[in-house]
Protein backbone atom coordinates (compact mmCIF):
# COMPACT_ATOMS: atom_id res chain seq x y z
CA UNK A 1 -15.59 6.64 25.77
CA UNK A 2 -15.96 6.97 22.19
CA UNK A 3 -15.77 4.54 19.13
CA UNK A 4 -13.92 7.37 18.27
CA UNK A 5 -11.78 8.42 21.42
CA UNK A 6 -10.71 4.74 21.85
CA UNK A 7 -9.13 4.38 18.36
CA UNK A 8 -7.30 7.71 18.55
CA UNK A 9 -5.94 7.01 21.85
CA UNK A 10 -3.94 3.91 20.54
CA UNK A 11 -0.20 4.19 21.68
CA UNK A 12 0.83 0.91 20.63
CA UNK A 13 0.04 -2.41 18.29
CA UNK A 14 -2.22 -4.24 20.84
CA UNK A 15 -3.81 -1.54 21.67
CA UNK A 16 -4.51 -0.76 18.36
CA UNK A 17 -6.05 -3.96 17.51
CA UNK A 18 -8.07 -4.42 20.53
CA UNK A 19 -9.80 -0.70 20.27
CA UNK A 20 -10.23 -1.16 16.50
CA UNK A 21 -12.27 -4.47 17.55
CA UNK A 22 -13.88 -2.87 20.14
CA UNK A 23 -14.75 0.26 18.18
CA UNK A 24 -15.91 -1.61 14.92
CA UNK A 25 -17.58 -4.61 16.71
CA UNK A 26 -16.30 -6.78 14.73
CA UNK A 27 -17.81 -10.37 13.93
CA UNK A 28 -16.24 -13.89 13.57
CA UNK A 29 -15.86 -15.08 9.85
CA UNK A 30 -15.07 -18.09 8.33
CA UNK A 31 -11.04 -18.11 8.56
CA UNK A 32 -9.59 -21.40 7.84
CA UNK A 33 -11.08 -21.15 4.03
CA UNK A 34 -8.14 -21.35 1.80
CA UNK A 35 -8.20 -20.39 -1.77
CA UNK A 36 -5.67 -22.07 -3.69
CA UNK A 37 -4.07 -19.55 -6.27
CA UNK A 38 -5.61 -19.53 -9.90
CA UNK A 39 -2.06 -19.27 -11.58
CA UNK A 40 -1.19 -22.76 -10.25
CA UNK A 41 0.45 -24.17 -6.91
CA UNK A 42 4.14 -22.51 -7.48
CA UNK A 43 2.73 -19.17 -7.74
CA UNK A 44 4.13 -15.89 -6.26
CA UNK A 45 2.82 -13.16 -7.91
CA UNK A 46 -0.78 -13.34 -7.88
CA UNK A 47 -2.40 -11.39 -10.33
CA UNK A 48 0.56 -9.96 -11.31
CA UNK A 49 0.55 -12.54 -13.93
CA UNK A 50 -1.82 -10.24 -15.59
CA UNK A 51 1.17 -7.79 -16.85
CA UNK A 52 1.84 -9.31 -20.12
CA UNK A 53 4.21 -8.24 -22.64
CA UNK A 54 0.64 -6.84 -24.51
CA UNK A 55 -0.39 -4.89 -21.30
CA UNK A 56 2.75 -3.32 -20.82
CA UNK A 57 2.63 -2.36 -25.04
CA UNK A 58 -1.45 -1.38 -24.23
CA UNK A 59 -0.59 0.85 -21.05
CA UNK A 60 2.13 2.33 -23.11
CA UNK A 61 -0.29 4.09 -25.21
CA UNK A 62 -1.65 6.46 -22.57
CA UNK A 63 1.76 8.28 -22.31
CA UNK A 64 1.14 11.38 -24.20
CA UNK A 65 2.91 13.98 -22.90
CA UNK A 66 5.61 12.72 -21.36
CA UNK A 67 4.97 14.16 -17.51
CA UNK A 68 6.84 12.35 -14.82
CA UNK A 69 5.09 12.25 -11.34
CA UNK A 70 7.03 10.65 -8.11
CA UNK A 71 4.16 8.77 -6.30
CA UNK A 72 6.56 8.22 -3.18
CA UNK A 73 6.87 10.66 0.15
CA UNK A 74 9.17 11.66 1.62
CA UNK A 75 10.27 8.83 4.40
CA UNK A 76 12.31 10.02 8.06
CA UNK A 77 11.92 9.59 11.84
CA UNK A 78 9.30 11.94 11.82
CA UNK A 79 7.12 10.12 8.98
CA UNK A 80 3.58 8.59 11.06
CA UNK A 81 3.64 4.63 11.31
CA UNK A 82 1.26 1.78 12.31
CA UNK A 83 2.56 0.84 15.82
CA UNK A 84 5.76 0.54 16.63
CA UNK A 85 6.86 0.29 13.31
CA UNK A 86 9.59 3.60 12.86
CA UNK A 87 12.80 4.50 10.64
CA UNK A 88 15.50 6.96 11.18
CA UNK A 89 18.88 7.09 9.25
CA UNK A 90 22.28 7.04 10.83
CA UNK A 91 25.29 8.79 8.79
CA UNK A 92 28.57 7.50 9.15
CA UNK A 93 32.42 7.94 8.03
CA UNK A 94 33.93 4.64 8.82
CA UNK A 95 38.09 4.78 9.77
CA UNK A 96 37.83 8.29 9.34
CA UNK A 97 38.12 9.13 13.15
CA UNK A 98 39.39 12.91 14.40
CA UNK A 99 39.93 13.78 10.69
CA UNK A 100 41.43 11.06 9.15
CA UNK A 101 41.65 10.88 5.19
CA UNK A 102 42.33 7.76 2.99
CA UNK A 103 45.27 8.04 0.31
CA UNK A 104 47.36 9.78 -0.53
CA UNK A 105 44.27 12.35 -2.67
CA UNK A 106 43.09 12.59 1.21
CA UNK A 107 39.71 11.12 0.66
CA UNK A 108 36.45 11.38 2.60
CA UNK A 109 33.26 9.50 2.72
CA UNK A 110 30.15 9.28 4.53
CA UNK A 111 27.99 6.52 4.31
CA UNK A 112 24.48 5.74 5.81
CA UNK A 113 22.73 2.95 8.31
CA UNK A 114 19.02 2.76 8.14
CA UNK A 115 17.56 1.94 10.87
CA UNK A 116 14.09 0.99 11.07
CA UNK A 117 10.87 -0.66 9.09
CA UNK A 118 10.24 -1.24 5.82
CA UNK A 119 6.43 -0.81 6.46
CA UNK A 120 6.78 3.10 6.71
CA UNK A 121 5.71 5.59 4.25
CA UNK A 122 5.00 4.71 0.85
CA UNK A 123 5.20 1.03 0.27
CA UNK A 124 3.79 -1.65 -1.06
CA UNK A 125 2.23 -5.18 0.81
CA UNK A 126 3.86 -8.20 -0.51
CA UNK A 127 1.77 -11.45 0.00
CA UNK A 128 3.81 -12.90 2.84
CA UNK A 129 2.41 -9.89 5.10
CA UNK A 130 -1.50 -10.85 6.27
CA UNK A 131 -2.89 -13.98 6.60
CA UNK A 132 -5.71 -15.65 8.52
CA UNK A 133 -4.72 -17.96 11.60
CA UNK A 134 -1.27 -18.50 10.02
CA UNK A 135 -2.80 -19.23 6.35
CA UNK A 136 -1.42 -16.96 3.17
CA UNK A 137 -2.08 -16.92 -0.08
CA UNK A 138 -1.92 -19.57 -2.10
CA UNK A 139 -2.89 -21.50 1.10
CA UNK A 140 0.73 -21.19 2.52
CA UNK A 141 1.04 -22.08 5.65
CA UNK A 142 3.27 -19.22 8.08
CA UNK A 143 5.40 -21.75 10.00
CA UNK A 144 6.80 -23.04 6.38
CA UNK A 145 7.80 -20.39 5.14
CA UNK A 146 8.20 -17.51 7.41
CA UNK A 147 11.41 -17.62 9.33
CA UNK A 148 13.32 -14.90 11.31
CA UNK A 149 15.78 -14.67 9.09
CA UNK A 150 13.24 -13.92 6.18
CA UNK A 151 10.76 -15.34 4.29
CA UNK A 152 11.14 -18.48 1.92
CA UNK A 153 8.45 -17.52 0.00
CA UNK A 154 6.76 -14.37 -1.79
CA UNK A 155 9.65 -12.71 -0.17
CA UNK A 156 10.06 -8.60 -1.64
CA UNK A 157 12.73 -9.99 -4.22
CA UNK A 158 9.79 -12.57 -6.07
CA UNK A 159 7.82 -9.18 -7.18
CA UNK A 160 8.38 -8.74 -10.87
CA UNK A 161 8.58 -5.43 -12.76
CA UNK A 162 5.36 -3.70 -12.83
CA UNK A 163 4.23 -1.86 -15.78
CA UNK A 164 0.60 -1.24 -16.49
CA UNK A 165 -1.74 1.50 -16.59
CA UNK A 166 -2.99 3.03 -13.53
CA UNK A 167 -6.48 4.48 -12.81
CA UNK A 168 -6.85 7.33 -10.10
CA UNK A 169 -10.14 7.97 -8.61
CA UNK A 170 -10.83 11.25 -7.08
CA UNK A 171 -12.90 10.36 -4.14
CA UNK A 172 -12.12 13.42 -2.36
CA UNK A 173 -13.36 15.62 -5.88
CA UNK A 174 -16.31 13.08 -6.36
CA UNK A 175 -17.83 14.30 -2.95
CA UNK A 176 -16.69 18.11 -3.19
CA UNK A 177 -14.39 17.81 0.16
CA UNK A 178 -10.54 18.72 0.72
CA UNK A 179 -10.14 15.01 1.77
CA UNK A 180 -12.54 12.48 3.54
CA UNK A 181 -13.62 11.94 6.91
CA UNK A 182 -12.03 9.47 8.80
CA UNK A 183 -13.70 6.27 8.59
CA UNK A 184 -15.39 7.36 5.56
CA UNK A 185 -16.28 3.51 3.52
CA UNK A 186 -15.86 3.86 -0.70
CA UNK A 187 -18.17 1.29 -1.60
CA UNK A 188 -18.40 0.27 -5.50
CA UNK A 189 -21.14 3.92 -5.51
CA UNK A 190 -18.32 5.92 -5.05
CA UNK A 191 -16.23 3.87 -7.51
CA UNK A 192 -18.05 3.99 -10.39
CA UNK A 193 -19.13 7.65 -9.83
CA UNK A 194 -16.10 8.78 -9.65
CA UNK A 195 -15.29 7.07 -12.83
CA UNK A 196 -18.26 8.36 -14.43
CA UNK A 197 -17.08 11.85 -13.30
CA UNK A 198 -13.92 11.37 -14.22
CA UNK A 199 -14.98 10.05 -18.03
CA UNK A 200 -12.92 6.35 -17.39
CA UNK A 201 -15.18 3.57 -19.28
CA UNK A 202 -13.76 0.77 -17.43
CA UNK A 203 -11.58 -0.90 -15.55
CA UNK A 204 -9.47 -3.63 -16.87
CA UNK A 205 -7.78 -6.65 -16.04
CA UNK A 206 -4.10 -5.98 -15.33
CA UNK A 207 -4.73 -2.36 -14.21
CA UNK A 208 -3.91 -0.77 -11.07
CA UNK A 209 -6.60 1.09 -9.31
CA UNK A 210 -5.18 3.99 -6.51
CA UNK A 211 -8.09 6.00 -4.29
CA UNK A 212 -7.65 10.05 -3.62
CA UNK A 213 -8.79 10.76 -0.75
CA UNK A 214 -7.15 13.89 -0.08
CA UNK A 215 -6.07 12.11 3.36
CA UNK A 216 -2.20 13.27 2.66
CA UNK A 217 -3.23 16.52 3.06
CA UNK A 218 -3.16 16.20 6.96
CA UNK A 219 1.20 14.66 6.90
CA UNK A 220 2.75 17.34 8.88
CA UNK A 221 -0.51 19.33 10.08
CA UNK A 222 -2.48 16.69 12.29
CA UNK A 223 0.04 13.55 12.13
CA UNK A 224 -1.59 12.31 15.22
CA UNK A 225 -5.17 11.64 12.96
CA UNK A 226 -3.13 11.03 10.29
CA UNK A 227 -1.33 7.79 11.49
CA UNK A 228 -4.55 6.94 13.56
CA UNK A 229 -7.36 6.48 11.72
CA UNK A 230 -8.24 7.35 7.84
CA UNK A 231 -11.28 6.83 5.06
CA UNK A 232 -10.50 3.95 2.92
CA UNK A 233 -11.84 1.32 0.74
CA UNK A 234 -15.25 -1.06 2.03
CA UNK A 235 -15.34 -4.41 1.90
CA UNK A 236 -17.95 -4.47 -1.13
CA UNK A 237 -15.41 -1.91 -2.85
CA UNK A 238 -12.77 -4.37 -2.18
CA UNK A 239 -14.62 -7.35 -3.77
CA UNK A 240 -15.64 -4.80 -6.80
CA UNK A 241 -12.11 -4.78 -7.51
CA UNK A 242 -11.07 -8.27 -7.12
CA UNK A 243 -14.01 -8.88 -9.90
CA UNK A 244 -12.51 -6.73 -12.11
CA UNK A 245 -8.65 -8.08 -11.97
CA UNK A 246 -6.95 -5.62 -11.05
CA UNK A 247 -3.05 -6.01 -9.87
CA UNK A 248 -3.13 -3.98 -6.61
CA UNK A 249 -4.80 -0.97 -4.86
CA UNK A 250 -3.49 1.91 -3.16
CA UNK A 251 -4.69 4.99 -1.62
CA UNK A 252 -2.98 8.06 -0.43
CA UNK A 253 -3.69 7.06 3.07
CA UNK A 254 -0.99 4.50 5.53
CA UNK A 255 -3.49 1.59 5.50
CA UNK A 256 -5.73 1.75 2.57
CA UNK A 257 -9.32 0.34 4.11
CA UNK A 258 -11.59 2.67 6.27
CA UNK A 259 -10.87 2.99 10.25
CA UNK A 260 -12.32 3.04 12.48
CA UNK A 261 -13.61 -0.79 10.28
CA UNK A 262 -16.84 -0.69 8.63
CA UNK A 263 -19.05 -2.44 11.23
CA UNK A 264 -19.35 -6.17 10.74
CA UNK A 265 -16.20 -6.06 9.04
CA UNK A 266 -13.08 -7.13 10.51
CA UNK A 267 -9.56 -6.07 11.64
CA UNK A 268 -8.09 -5.39 8.14
CA UNK A 269 -10.37 -7.68 6.60
CA UNK A 270 -9.67 -5.31 2.96
CA UNK A 271 -5.95 -6.39 3.38
CA UNK A 272 -7.16 -10.37 3.97
CA UNK A 273 -9.22 -10.06 0.86
CA UNK A 274 -7.21 -8.34 -1.52
CA UNK A 275 -3.73 -10.30 -0.67
CA UNK A 276 -4.36 -13.64 1.10
CA UNK A 277 -7.38 -14.37 -0.58
CA UNK A 278 -7.05 -13.06 -4.38
CA UNK A 279 -2.79 -12.31 -4.56
CA UNK A 280 -3.45 -8.44 -5.10
CA UNK A 281 -0.61 -6.37 -3.76
CA UNK A 282 -1.90 -3.28 -1.91
CA UNK A 283 -0.26 0.13 -2.19
CA UNK A 284 -0.30 2.35 0.56
CA UNK A 285 0.49 6.59 1.20
CA UNK A 286 0.68 6.93 -2.62
CA UNK A 287 1.04 10.75 -3.61
CA UNK A 288 -1.91 11.28 -6.13
CA UNK A 289 -2.56 15.04 -5.39
CA UNK A 290 -0.05 16.21 -8.48
CA UNK A 291 -1.81 13.80 -10.79
CA UNK A 292 -5.87 15.06 -9.72
CA UNK A 293 -4.11 18.87 -10.00
CA UNK A 294 -3.53 17.65 -13.78
CA UNK A 295 -6.53 15.56 -14.75
CA UNK A 296 -4.25 12.69 -15.75
CA UNK A 297 -6.19 10.16 -14.17
CA UNK A 298 -5.13 6.85 -16.32
CA UNK A 299 -1.65 6.70 -16.61
CA UNK A 300 1.90 4.79 -16.83
CA UNK A 301 2.68 3.12 -13.65
CA UNK A 302 6.10 1.92 -13.39
CA UNK A 303 7.34 0.02 -9.96
CA UNK A 304 10.94 -1.96 -9.56
CA UNK A 305 10.31 -2.51 -5.62
CA UNK A 306 14.17 -3.19 -4.20
CA UNK A 307 14.83 -6.89 -3.92
CA UNK A 308 15.30 -7.45 -0.43
CA UNK A 309 15.69 -11.04 -0.22
CA UNK A 310 12.76 -12.30 2.01
CA UNK A 311 11.41 -9.00 3.00
CA UNK A 312 7.80 -8.76 3.37
CA UNK A 313 7.18 -5.11 2.53
CA UNK A 314 9.29 -2.53 0.83
CA UNK A 315 9.63 1.07 0.89
CA UNK A 316 8.67 2.64 -2.91
CA UNK A 317 8.26 5.65 -5.28
CA UNK A 318 6.45 4.48 -8.13
CA UNK A 319 6.59 6.78 -10.97
CA UNK A 320 4.06 7.59 -13.03
CA UNK A 321 4.35 8.90 -16.83
CA UNK A 322 1.26 10.92 -18.84
């Protein structure tokens, strides 16, 4: 069976991880390395510390037309998700069985119950999501904060308001394709090539970088392929963005990094590099297609994630303004 076939045949979380390791020949690396936060032992927001009032005021100067863009996709039971994640909504009418109404004014109402995982569709990964041998961001041990009732550190409720500059790198445009092939790594060459092509002078400390691979074009057309493989950020590309001091890295894919994983690179090692080692948030399934179409490559990015106490991730709909 080919490497590609092994990954495509994944039906569950355990099978997926095993197949991914086989397909890439993932190698052992120093998993016990602990990197204290440069912002102090009590830090929980990593590079979001770079979003200062001065950074916000600078980013606001990017607004020239007032046009707004929703970066989140619709989330529903059909949205492809990393197994075994799923999502559904149930609508109920409490206390209104058999046509019962409420009050003399005959009030009726609908409520909804959400059943599912926060890591479905457009989402942000917090620092409690990915670790190495039970060690997470800022040298925090999983047993000290990851409880069945919720995280006691790094929960979604600790995320600050994100108001900063976002840079959209049109990698698909650079390569002259509708969408990149699965497993295609995005290295420094591609990132800097896209910047030059788009007239972007630099990536600055406190920025957010979002990659456009075109992969979202498969959503609803080939969900099996969309949700099992993807082009994405390479290890080299991740370290490049770490050096730039970005706040978050995102893509129009479900898992940010290239799958099948690069030869010699571990399972979701880019997640470890960004989240655990460097305090950089990850944005997944970002719909930047309309931005690319309009040539809006540098925009004001805004996000206030739902303050779900103790949650690892959050379904989000960031707003970009040009």
